[in-house]
N, C-alpha and C. Protein backbone atom coordinates (compact mmCIF):
# COMPACT_ATOMS: atom_id res chain seq x y z
N MET A 1 57.66 55.01 94.19
CA MET A 1 56.53 55.79 94.57
C MET A 1 56.94 56.84 95.55
N LYS A 2 57.84 56.50 96.48
CA LYS A 2 58.27 57.46 97.48
C LYS A 2 59.08 58.60 96.83
N LYS A 3 59.80 58.29 95.78
CA LYS A 3 60.59 59.29 95.06
C LYS A 3 59.66 60.32 94.43
N ILE A 4 58.61 59.84 93.84
CA ILE A 4 57.67 60.71 93.15
C ILE A 4 57.00 61.67 94.18
N MET A 5 56.61 61.11 95.33
CA MET A 5 55.97 61.89 96.36
C MET A 5 56.94 62.95 96.88
N MET A 6 58.20 62.62 97.09
CA MET A 6 59.22 63.52 97.61
C MET A 6 59.43 64.68 96.58
N ALA A 7 59.48 64.33 95.28
CA ALA A 7 59.70 65.32 94.23
C ALA A 7 58.56 66.29 94.20
N VAL A 8 57.30 65.76 94.28
CA VAL A 8 56.11 66.68 94.28
C VAL A 8 56.11 67.56 95.52
N LEU A 9 56.44 67.05 96.67
CA LEU A 9 56.52 67.81 97.86
C LEU A 9 57.57 68.96 97.77
N ALA A 10 58.78 68.58 97.20
CA ALA A 10 59.87 69.59 97.06
C ALA A 10 59.45 70.65 96.06
N LEU A 11 58.82 70.29 95.01
CA LEU A 11 58.36 71.24 93.99
C LEU A 11 57.29 72.17 94.53
N GLY A 12 56.41 71.62 95.39
CA GLY A 12 55.40 72.39 96.02
C GLY A 12 55.99 73.41 96.96
N LEU A 13 56.99 73.04 97.73
CA LEU A 13 57.66 73.96 98.65
C LEU A 13 58.42 75.06 97.89
N LEU A 14 59.08 74.70 96.83
CA LEU A 14 59.81 75.69 96.00
C LEU A 14 58.86 76.68 95.39
N SER A 15 57.74 76.19 94.83
CA SER A 15 56.86 77.14 94.15
C SER A 15 56.11 78.02 95.15
N SER A 16 55.85 77.53 96.33
CA SER A 16 55.17 78.40 97.32
C SER A 16 56.02 79.50 97.85
N SER A 17 57.38 79.30 97.86
CA SER A 17 58.28 80.33 98.36
C SER A 17 58.76 81.28 97.30
N CYS A 18 58.58 80.98 96.06
CA CYS A 18 59.08 81.80 94.94
C CYS A 18 58.08 82.91 94.65
N LYS A 19 58.57 84.16 94.45
CA LYS A 19 57.64 85.30 94.21
C LYS A 19 56.91 85.20 92.88
N VAL A 20 57.52 84.49 91.93
CA VAL A 20 56.95 84.38 90.57
C VAL A 20 55.62 83.70 90.66
N PHE A 21 55.53 82.67 91.49
CA PHE A 21 54.30 81.83 91.59
C PHE A 21 53.28 82.35 92.57
N GLN A 22 53.67 83.34 93.37
CA GLN A 22 52.71 83.87 94.34
C GLN A 22 51.72 84.76 93.66
N LYS A 23 50.47 84.69 94.06
CA LYS A 23 49.39 85.47 93.52
C LYS A 23 49.36 86.85 94.19
N VAL A 24 49.06 87.86 93.41
CA VAL A 24 48.96 89.18 93.94
C VAL A 24 47.54 89.40 94.39
N LYS A 25 47.35 89.88 95.57
CA LYS A 25 46.02 90.18 96.10
C LYS A 25 45.48 91.45 95.43
N LYS A 26 44.22 91.41 94.97
CA LYS A 26 43.67 92.51 94.25
C LYS A 26 43.55 93.76 95.14
N GLU A 27 43.29 93.62 96.41
CA GLU A 27 43.15 94.81 97.22
C GLU A 27 44.49 95.46 97.51
N ASP A 28 45.59 94.70 97.38
CA ASP A 28 46.88 95.31 97.66
C ASP A 28 47.41 96.13 96.46
N LYS A 29 47.22 95.63 95.27
CA LYS A 29 47.79 96.27 94.10
C LYS A 29 46.72 96.34 92.99
N PRO A 30 46.84 97.31 92.11
CA PRO A 30 45.94 97.37 90.95
C PRO A 30 46.15 96.21 90.05
N ALA A 31 45.13 95.89 89.25
CA ALA A 31 45.19 94.73 88.37
C ALA A 31 46.28 94.89 87.26
N THR A 32 46.61 96.13 86.90
CA THR A 32 47.61 96.29 85.83
C THR A 32 49.01 96.11 86.35
N GLU A 33 49.21 96.18 87.64
CA GLU A 33 50.58 96.04 88.15
C GLU A 33 50.71 94.65 88.77
N THR A 34 51.21 93.73 87.97
CA THR A 34 51.41 92.36 88.44
C THR A 34 52.82 91.95 88.70
N VAL A 35 53.77 92.69 88.10
CA VAL A 35 55.18 92.40 88.25
C VAL A 35 55.83 93.58 89.01
N GLN A 36 56.57 93.28 90.07
CA GLN A 36 57.25 94.28 90.82
C GLN A 36 58.67 94.48 90.26
N ASP A 37 59.04 95.70 89.94
CA ASP A 37 60.38 96.00 89.38
C ASP A 37 61.32 96.47 90.48
N ASP A 38 62.13 95.56 90.98
CA ASP A 38 63.08 95.92 92.05
C ASP A 38 64.44 96.34 91.51
N THR A 39 64.58 96.39 90.18
CA THR A 39 65.86 96.71 89.59
C THR A 39 66.14 98.20 89.53
N GLN A 40 65.11 99.08 89.63
CA GLN A 40 65.31 100.49 89.57
C GLN A 40 65.80 101.03 90.89
N THR A 41 66.75 101.91 90.84
CA THR A 41 67.24 102.54 92.04
C THR A 41 66.38 103.73 92.39
N LYS A 42 66.01 103.83 93.61
CA LYS A 42 65.20 104.98 94.07
C LYS A 42 66.15 106.01 94.69
N VAL A 43 65.99 107.23 94.22
CA VAL A 43 66.84 108.31 94.69
C VAL A 43 65.95 109.35 95.40
N PHE A 44 66.38 109.67 96.60
CA PHE A 44 65.63 110.70 97.35
C PHE A 44 66.53 111.85 97.56
N SER A 45 66.00 113.02 97.47
CA SER A 45 66.82 114.25 97.69
C SER A 45 66.14 115.07 98.73
N VAL A 46 66.95 115.74 99.53
CA VAL A 46 66.44 116.61 100.53
C VAL A 46 66.78 118.00 100.10
N PRO A 47 65.76 118.90 100.09
CA PRO A 47 66.01 120.29 99.67
C PRO A 47 67.00 120.94 100.63
N SER A 48 67.92 121.66 100.04
CA SER A 48 68.94 122.34 100.83
C SER A 48 68.52 123.80 101.15
N THR A 49 68.82 124.20 102.39
CA THR A 49 68.48 125.56 102.74
C THR A 49 69.68 126.44 102.56
N GLN A 50 70.88 125.91 102.36
CA GLN A 50 72.10 126.69 102.23
C GLN A 50 72.41 126.79 100.72
N THR A 51 73.05 127.89 100.33
CA THR A 51 73.53 128.01 99.00
C THR A 51 75.03 127.57 98.96
N GLU A 52 75.39 126.96 97.91
CA GLU A 52 76.77 126.48 97.79
C GLU A 52 77.65 127.51 97.15
N VAL A 53 78.76 127.83 97.79
CA VAL A 53 79.70 128.78 97.23
C VAL A 53 80.93 128.04 96.80
N ARG A 54 81.29 128.17 95.56
CA ARG A 54 82.49 127.53 95.04
C ARG A 54 83.58 128.56 94.77
N GLU A 55 84.78 128.23 95.16
CA GLU A 55 85.94 129.08 94.85
C GLU A 55 86.57 128.60 93.58
N ALA A 56 87.26 129.49 92.94
CA ALA A 56 88.01 129.08 91.71
C ALA A 56 89.02 128.06 92.09
N PRO A 57 89.17 126.99 91.28
CA PRO A 57 90.15 125.98 91.66
C PRO A 57 91.58 126.47 91.59
N SER A 58 92.29 126.23 92.64
CA SER A 58 93.71 126.56 92.71
C SER A 58 94.52 125.33 92.19
N SER A 59 95.80 125.52 92.08
CA SER A 59 96.63 124.40 91.62
C SER A 59 96.64 123.32 92.68
N ASP A 60 96.58 123.64 93.98
CA ASP A 60 96.56 122.65 95.03
C ASP A 60 95.24 121.89 94.97
N ARG A 61 94.14 122.54 94.71
CA ARG A 61 92.87 121.87 94.61
C ARG A 61 92.83 120.94 93.41
N MET A 62 93.40 121.40 92.32
CA MET A 62 93.44 120.59 91.14
C MET A 62 94.25 119.32 91.40
N TYR A 63 95.34 119.43 92.19
CA TYR A 63 96.17 118.29 92.54
C TYR A 63 95.36 117.33 93.37
N GLU A 64 94.59 117.87 94.36
CA GLU A 64 93.80 117.02 95.25
C GLU A 64 92.73 116.31 94.48
N GLN A 65 92.10 116.98 93.47
CA GLN A 65 91.09 116.29 92.65
C GLN A 65 91.73 115.23 91.83
N ALA A 66 92.90 115.53 91.24
CA ALA A 66 93.57 114.51 90.43
C ALA A 66 93.97 113.36 91.28
N GLU A 67 94.39 113.55 92.48
CA GLU A 67 94.83 112.48 93.35
C GLU A 67 93.67 111.53 93.70
N LYS A 68 92.45 112.08 93.75
CA LYS A 68 91.26 111.27 94.06
C LYS A 68 90.76 110.50 92.84
N THR A 69 90.89 111.09 91.67
CA THR A 69 90.31 110.47 90.50
C THR A 69 91.26 109.56 89.66
N GLU A 70 92.55 109.87 89.75
CA GLU A 70 93.48 109.08 88.96
C GLU A 70 94.11 107.99 89.77
N LYS A 71 94.79 107.10 89.09
CA LYS A 71 95.42 106.02 89.84
C LYS A 71 96.52 106.57 90.74
N PRO A 72 96.72 105.97 91.90
CA PRO A 72 97.65 106.48 92.83
C PRO A 72 99.10 106.48 92.31
N VAL A 73 99.90 107.34 92.90
CA VAL A 73 101.30 107.41 92.51
C VAL A 73 102.08 106.28 93.18
N ARG A 74 102.76 105.52 92.36
CA ARG A 74 103.61 104.46 92.89
C ARG A 74 104.84 105.13 93.44
N ILE A 75 105.26 104.70 94.66
CA ILE A 75 106.40 105.23 95.38
C ILE A 75 107.34 104.13 95.71
N GLN A 76 108.66 104.35 95.44
CA GLN A 76 109.63 103.35 95.79
C GLN A 76 110.82 104.04 96.38
N SER A 77 111.42 103.46 97.38
CA SER A 77 112.55 104.05 98.07
C SER A 77 113.83 103.23 97.77
N GLU A 78 114.83 103.88 97.23
CA GLU A 78 116.06 103.20 96.83
C GLU A 78 117.29 104.06 97.06
N THR A 79 118.41 103.36 97.12
CA THR A 79 119.71 104.09 97.11
C THR A 79 120.13 104.04 95.65
N PHE A 80 120.69 105.14 95.17
CA PHE A 80 121.16 105.21 93.78
C PHE A 80 122.30 106.17 93.64
N THR A 81 122.96 106.04 92.48
CA THR A 81 124.04 107.02 92.16
C THR A 81 123.66 107.70 90.87
N PHE A 82 124.18 108.90 90.66
CA PHE A 82 123.96 109.65 89.43
C PHE A 82 124.86 109.12 88.33
N ALA A 83 124.38 108.99 87.15
CA ALA A 83 125.19 108.48 86.05
C ALA A 83 126.23 109.54 85.64
N GLN A 84 125.90 110.84 85.78
CA GLN A 84 126.86 111.84 85.42
C GLN A 84 127.11 112.79 86.60
N LYS A 85 128.31 113.22 86.80
CA LYS A 85 128.73 114.03 87.92
C LYS A 85 127.97 115.38 87.98
N GLU A 86 127.73 116.02 86.79
CA GLU A 86 127.02 117.29 86.80
C GLU A 86 125.59 117.18 87.21
N ASP A 87 124.98 116.02 86.98
CA ASP A 87 123.63 115.79 87.46
C ASP A 87 123.59 115.69 88.98
N GLN A 88 124.62 115.06 89.50
CA GLN A 88 124.74 114.94 90.97
C GLN A 88 124.86 116.33 91.62
N ALA A 89 125.64 117.18 91.06
CA ALA A 89 125.81 118.52 91.61
C ALA A 89 124.55 119.30 91.67
N LYS A 90 123.72 119.15 90.64
CA LYS A 90 122.44 119.88 90.57
C LYS A 90 121.35 119.30 91.45
N ASN A 91 121.35 117.97 91.66
CA ASN A 91 120.22 117.30 92.29
C ASN A 91 120.56 116.60 93.65
N GLU A 92 121.75 116.72 94.16
CA GLU A 92 122.08 115.94 95.34
C GLU A 92 121.32 116.33 96.57
N ASN A 93 120.77 117.52 96.66
CA ASN A 93 120.01 117.93 97.82
C ASN A 93 118.53 117.56 97.75
N ASN A 94 118.12 117.08 96.61
CA ASN A 94 116.71 116.64 96.46
C ASN A 94 116.49 115.21 96.86
N SER A 95 115.30 114.90 97.37
CA SER A 95 114.98 113.57 97.84
C SER A 95 113.91 112.89 97.04
N TYR A 96 113.17 113.59 96.22
CA TYR A 96 112.04 113.04 95.48
C TYR A 96 112.31 113.15 94.00
N PHE A 97 112.31 112.06 93.27
CA PHE A 97 112.63 112.01 91.86
C PHE A 97 111.49 111.45 91.04
N VAL A 98 111.05 112.16 90.00
CA VAL A 98 109.98 111.75 89.11
C VAL A 98 110.60 110.83 88.04
N ILE A 99 110.21 109.58 88.10
CA ILE A 99 110.77 108.59 87.17
C ILE A 99 109.79 108.30 86.05
N ILE A 100 110.31 108.41 84.82
CA ILE A 100 109.48 108.23 83.65
C ILE A 100 109.82 106.94 82.90
N GLY A 101 110.95 106.32 83.24
CA GLY A 101 111.32 105.07 82.61
C GLY A 101 112.44 104.32 83.39
N SER A 102 112.42 102.98 83.32
CA SER A 102 113.47 102.17 83.96
C SER A 102 113.98 101.17 82.95
N PHE A 103 115.27 100.98 82.98
CA PHE A 103 115.91 100.11 82.02
C PHE A 103 116.99 99.25 82.70
N SER A 104 117.22 98.07 82.15
CA SER A 104 118.29 97.19 82.70
C SER A 104 119.63 97.53 82.07
N SER A 105 119.65 98.30 81.00
CA SER A 105 120.93 98.66 80.41
C SER A 105 121.10 100.19 80.32
N ASN A 106 122.24 100.66 80.58
CA ASN A 106 122.54 102.08 80.53
C ASN A 106 122.31 102.66 79.13
N ALA A 107 122.69 101.89 78.08
CA ALA A 107 122.55 102.34 76.73
C ALA A 107 121.08 102.59 76.41
N ASN A 108 120.16 101.75 76.83
CA ASN A 108 118.72 101.95 76.61
C ASN A 108 118.22 103.17 77.36
N ALA A 109 118.70 103.36 78.57
CA ALA A 109 118.26 104.50 79.39
C ALA A 109 118.71 105.82 78.71
N ASN A 110 119.97 105.82 78.20
CA ASN A 110 120.45 107.04 77.53
C ASN A 110 119.77 107.27 76.21
N ARG A 111 119.38 106.23 75.50
CA ARG A 111 118.63 106.37 74.25
C ARG A 111 117.25 106.96 74.55
N TYR A 112 116.61 106.52 75.62
CA TYR A 112 115.30 107.02 76.00
C TYR A 112 115.41 108.48 76.48
N LYS A 113 116.49 108.81 77.16
CA LYS A 113 116.76 110.15 77.59
C LYS A 113 116.82 111.07 76.39
N GLN A 114 117.47 110.68 75.33
CA GLN A 114 117.55 111.49 74.10
C GLN A 114 116.19 111.66 73.46
N GLU A 115 115.32 110.68 73.55
CA GLU A 115 113.93 110.83 73.01
C GLU A 115 113.10 111.80 73.78
N LEU A 116 113.36 111.99 75.06
CA LEU A 116 112.61 112.88 75.94
C LEU A 116 112.97 114.35 75.75
N ILE A 117 114.20 114.61 75.38
CA ILE A 117 114.65 116.00 75.27
C ILE A 117 113.84 116.83 74.35
N PRO A 118 113.53 116.36 73.07
CA PRO A 118 112.73 117.17 72.17
C PRO A 118 111.27 117.41 72.71
N GLN A 119 110.83 116.66 73.66
CA GLN A 119 109.45 116.84 74.23
C GLN A 119 109.49 117.88 75.35
N GLY A 120 110.60 118.50 75.62
CA GLY A 120 110.69 119.54 76.61
C GLY A 120 111.18 119.13 78.01
N PHE A 121 111.54 117.84 78.12
CA PHE A 121 112.04 117.38 79.37
C PHE A 121 113.52 117.56 79.50
N ASN A 122 114.02 117.60 80.72
CA ASN A 122 115.45 117.68 80.99
C ASN A 122 115.83 116.45 81.83
N PRO A 123 115.89 115.30 81.17
CA PRO A 123 116.04 114.04 81.90
C PRO A 123 117.51 113.81 82.36
N ILE A 124 117.60 113.06 83.43
CA ILE A 124 118.93 112.58 83.97
C ILE A 124 118.74 111.04 84.17
N VAL A 125 119.86 110.38 84.25
CA VAL A 125 119.84 108.93 84.49
C VAL A 125 120.41 108.65 85.83
N LEU A 126 119.69 107.82 86.58
CA LEU A 126 120.13 107.36 87.92
C LEU A 126 120.40 105.84 87.90
N HIS A 127 121.45 105.45 88.55
CA HIS A 127 121.73 104.02 88.59
C HIS A 127 121.34 103.51 89.97
N SER A 128 120.30 102.67 90.00
CA SER A 128 119.68 102.17 91.23
C SER A 128 120.49 101.06 91.89
N GLU A 129 120.28 100.89 93.21
CA GLU A 129 120.90 99.77 93.90
C GLU A 129 120.40 98.38 93.39
N THR A 130 119.26 98.41 92.74
CA THR A 130 118.70 97.20 92.18
C THR A 130 119.29 96.81 90.86
N GLY A 131 120.10 97.69 90.30
CA GLY A 131 120.76 97.43 89.04
C GLY A 131 120.05 98.11 87.85
N TYR A 132 118.92 98.71 88.09
CA TYR A 132 118.19 99.39 87.00
C TYR A 132 118.73 100.78 86.83
N TYR A 133 118.56 101.26 85.59
CA TYR A 133 118.85 102.63 85.25
C TYR A 133 117.52 103.40 85.13
N ARG A 134 117.34 104.37 85.99
CA ARG A 134 116.07 105.13 86.11
C ARG A 134 116.25 106.39 85.36
N VAL A 135 115.26 106.71 84.49
CA VAL A 135 115.24 107.96 83.78
C VAL A 135 114.34 108.94 84.54
N CYS A 136 115.00 109.97 85.09
CA CYS A 136 114.29 110.96 85.93
C CYS A 136 114.13 112.22 85.18
N VAL A 137 112.89 112.84 85.23
CA VAL A 137 112.65 114.10 84.51
C VAL A 137 112.59 115.30 85.45
N ASN A 138 112.43 115.10 86.77
CA ASN A 138 112.42 116.23 87.71
C ASN A 138 112.84 115.68 89.04
N SER A 139 113.32 116.57 89.91
CA SER A 139 113.62 116.19 91.29
C SER A 139 113.18 117.35 92.20
N PHE A 140 112.75 116.99 93.42
CA PHE A 140 112.23 117.99 94.32
C PHE A 140 112.70 117.66 95.75
N THR A 141 112.61 118.68 96.62
CA THR A 141 112.89 118.54 98.00
C THR A 141 111.57 118.29 98.73
N ASP A 142 110.44 118.60 98.14
CA ASP A 142 109.15 118.51 98.78
C ASP A 142 108.30 117.43 98.07
N GLU A 143 107.79 116.47 98.82
CA GLU A 143 106.99 115.36 98.23
C GLU A 143 105.69 115.91 97.54
N PHE A 144 105.05 116.86 98.12
CA PHE A 144 103.83 117.42 97.59
C PHE A 144 104.07 117.93 96.17
N GLU A 145 105.12 118.68 96.03
CA GLU A 145 105.48 119.27 94.64
C GLU A 145 105.81 118.14 93.68
N ALA A 146 106.47 117.09 94.17
CA ALA A 146 106.83 115.99 93.28
C ALA A 146 105.60 115.24 92.83
N ARG A 147 104.67 115.02 93.73
CA ARG A 147 103.41 114.36 93.37
C ARG A 147 102.64 115.21 92.38
N LYS A 148 102.63 116.52 92.55
CA LYS A 148 101.89 117.40 91.61
C LYS A 148 102.51 117.28 90.24
N ARG A 149 103.85 117.14 90.15
CA ARG A 149 104.52 117.02 88.87
C ARG A 149 104.18 115.70 88.22
N VAL A 150 104.08 114.64 89.01
CA VAL A 150 103.70 113.28 88.45
C VAL A 150 102.32 113.41 87.84
N TYR A 151 101.36 114.02 88.54
CA TYR A 151 100.01 114.12 87.96
C TYR A 151 99.96 115.04 86.73
N GLN A 152 100.80 116.07 86.75
CA GLN A 152 100.84 116.97 85.60
C GLN A 152 101.37 116.23 84.34
N ILE A 153 102.41 115.42 84.55
CA ILE A 153 103.00 114.66 83.45
C ILE A 153 101.91 113.65 82.93
N ARG A 154 101.26 112.97 83.85
CA ARG A 154 100.23 112.01 83.42
C ARG A 154 99.14 112.67 82.62
N ASN A 155 98.74 113.90 83.02
CA ASN A 155 97.68 114.59 82.31
C ASN A 155 98.14 115.14 81.00
N ASP A 156 99.30 115.75 80.96
CA ASP A 156 99.80 116.36 79.74
C ASP A 156 100.40 115.37 78.75
N TYR A 157 100.88 114.26 79.21
CA TYR A 157 101.45 113.28 78.33
C TYR A 157 100.86 111.90 78.64
N PRO A 158 99.75 111.56 78.09
CA PRO A 158 99.07 110.26 78.42
C PRO A 158 99.98 109.04 78.17
N GLN A 159 100.96 109.16 77.31
CA GLN A 159 101.83 108.03 77.06
C GLN A 159 102.77 107.74 78.22
N TYR A 160 102.86 108.67 79.16
CA TYR A 160 103.66 108.45 80.35
C TYR A 160 102.76 108.31 81.62
N ALA A 161 101.65 107.56 81.50
CA ALA A 161 100.78 107.39 82.55
C ALA A 161 101.29 106.56 83.68
N ASP A 162 102.42 105.82 83.43
CA ASP A 162 103.03 105.01 84.47
C ASP A 162 104.17 105.72 85.20
N THR A 163 104.24 107.00 85.10
CA THR A 163 105.28 107.79 85.81
C THR A 163 105.09 107.60 87.29
N TRP A 164 106.20 107.50 88.00
CA TRP A 164 106.15 107.22 89.43
C TRP A 164 107.23 108.01 90.22
N LEU A 165 107.23 107.82 91.51
CA LEU A 165 108.11 108.67 92.36
C LEU A 165 109.14 107.81 93.09
N LEU A 166 110.37 108.18 92.97
CA LEU A 166 111.50 107.52 93.65
C LEU A 166 111.96 108.38 94.77
N ILE A 167 112.03 107.78 95.96
CA ILE A 167 112.51 108.50 97.11
C ILE A 167 113.96 108.05 97.48
N LYS A 168 114.85 108.97 97.62
CA LYS A 168 116.20 108.68 97.88
C LYS A 168 116.35 108.24 99.35
N LYS A 169 116.99 107.07 99.57
CA LYS A 169 117.22 106.55 100.90
C LYS A 169 118.37 107.30 101.50
């Protein structure tokens, strides 16, 4: 008997605190409005007294917009050597390298390099301290320019969306 009384008391407390079971007072709301819809978002706007002036987007602005909307550029710092001596002569003063592929074997990296040439890239292969062969498509002395190139490749070539930046130690 005590269990039944406790169950009735608990049910009574639950139903009195739940909005579904509460009665709507007629003087508070019209009779047609019995359910309150809290799922809609209310948007308020304040009229602006200033006019907005927009400048034509520059390449720097486009880079900033891309940086905010796209996934961030992965950056990794490594020591590496150039697979070919002529690549070293051309790129030894650069510190930022745009990497489009990484391979555990030199043969696979060179095969991938050959696939990139018809697409307009001028790839080089770097041998990393970690043992990987990195396929680089551009190198820069300025990080900003390197990041712009990464975003440009990601936009122009969606298949290379995982392009990242290697910083020479």
